[in-house]
């Protein structure tokens, strides 16, 4: 979810994370209910280093997987 939120913010920098705009965009694009996206964002705001580390690890795994094909 946080990767989707970050992607939405990058694609639409004028949208504010503190409003429902980013959440609505992610909900529209993923089909995930807003309440779950909100919960993900709240968790991320409490543990940003942990989540950002997981995201970086996932991106590194994806990069290795796609470069070997």
Protein backbone atom coordinates (compact mmCIF):
# COMPACT_ATOMS: atom_id res chain seq x y z
CA UNK A 1 0.00 0.00 0.00
CA UNK A 2 2.74 2.44 0.86
CA UNK A 3 4.40 1.89 -2.49
CA UNK A 4 1.08 2.76 -4.11
CA UNK A 5 0.75 5.87 -1.93
CA UNK A 6 4.28 6.96 -2.81
CA UNK A 7 3.59 6.34 -6.48
CA UNK A 8 0.38 8.36 -6.32
CA UNK A 9 2.17 11.23 -4.63
CA UNK A 10 4.92 11.15 -7.26
CA UNK A 11 2.40 11.10 -10.09
CA UNK A 12 0.19 13.77 -8.51
CA UNK A 13 2.47 16.00 -6.38
CA UNK A 14 -0.31 18.53 -5.78
CA UNK A 15 -2.33 15.97 -3.83
CA UNK A 16 -1.85 16.27 -0.08
CA UNK A 17 -1.32 13.10 1.97
CA UNK A 18 -3.18 14.72 4.87
CA UNK A 19 -6.34 14.91 2.78
CA UNK A 20 -8.37 12.11 1.35
CA UNK A 21 -7.13 12.91 -2.18
CA UNK A 22 -4.19 10.50 -2.21
CA UNK A 23 -6.18 7.83 -0.41
CA UNK A 24 -9.04 8.21 -2.90
CA UNK A 25 -6.64 7.94 -5.84
CA UNK A 26 -5.01 4.80 -4.43
CA UNK A 27 -8.42 3.33 -3.64
CA UNK A 28 -9.58 4.00 -7.20
CA UNK A 29 -6.45 2.47 -8.74
CA UNK A 30 -6.11 -0.56 -6.47
CA UNK A 31 -9.63 -1.36 -5.32
CA UNK A 32 -8.39 -1.48 -1.73
CA UNK A 33 -10.86 0.17 0.66
CA UNK A 34 -9.86 3.61 1.95
CA UNK A 35 -9.98 2.45 5.56
CA UNK A 36 -7.20 -0.09 4.86
CA UNK A 37 -5.12 2.50 3.02
CA UNK A 38 -5.59 4.91 5.93
CA UNK A 39 -4.46 2.20 8.36
CA UNK A 40 -1.39 1.55 6.23
CA UNK A 41 -0.48 5.23 6.13
CA UNK A 42 -0.92 5.54 9.90
CA UNK A 43 1.34 2.52 10.48
CA UNK A 44 3.91 3.95 8.06
CA UNK A 45 3.85 7.29 9.89
CA UNK A 46 4.59 5.45 13.15
CA UNK A 47 7.30 3.19 11.71
CA UNK A 48 8.68 4.92 8.59
CA UNK A 49 12.16 3.42 8.76
CA UNK A 50 10.81 -0.11 9.07
CA UNK A 51 8.40 0.25 6.15
CA UNK A 52 10.85 2.12 3.93
CA UNK A 53 13.43 -0.61 4.57
CA UNK A 54 10.93 -3.30 3.54
CA UNK A 55 10.09 -1.33 0.41
CA UNK A 56 13.77 -0.92 -0.49
CA UNK A 57 14.34 -4.66 0.00
CA UNK A 58 11.34 -5.53 -2.19
CA UNK A 59 12.54 -3.16 -4.92
CA UNK A 60 16.03 -4.69 -4.82
CA UNK A 61 14.56 -8.19 -5.14
CA UNK A 62 12.40 -7.05 -8.06
CA UNK A 63 15.39 -5.42 -9.76
CA UNK A 64 17.45 -8.60 -9.44
CA UNK A 65 14.56 -10.73 -10.70
CA UNK A 66 13.92 -8.59 -13.74
CA UNK A 67 17.58 -8.16 -14.62
CA UNK A 68 18.15 -11.91 -14.69
CA UNK A 69 15.45 -12.54 -17.28
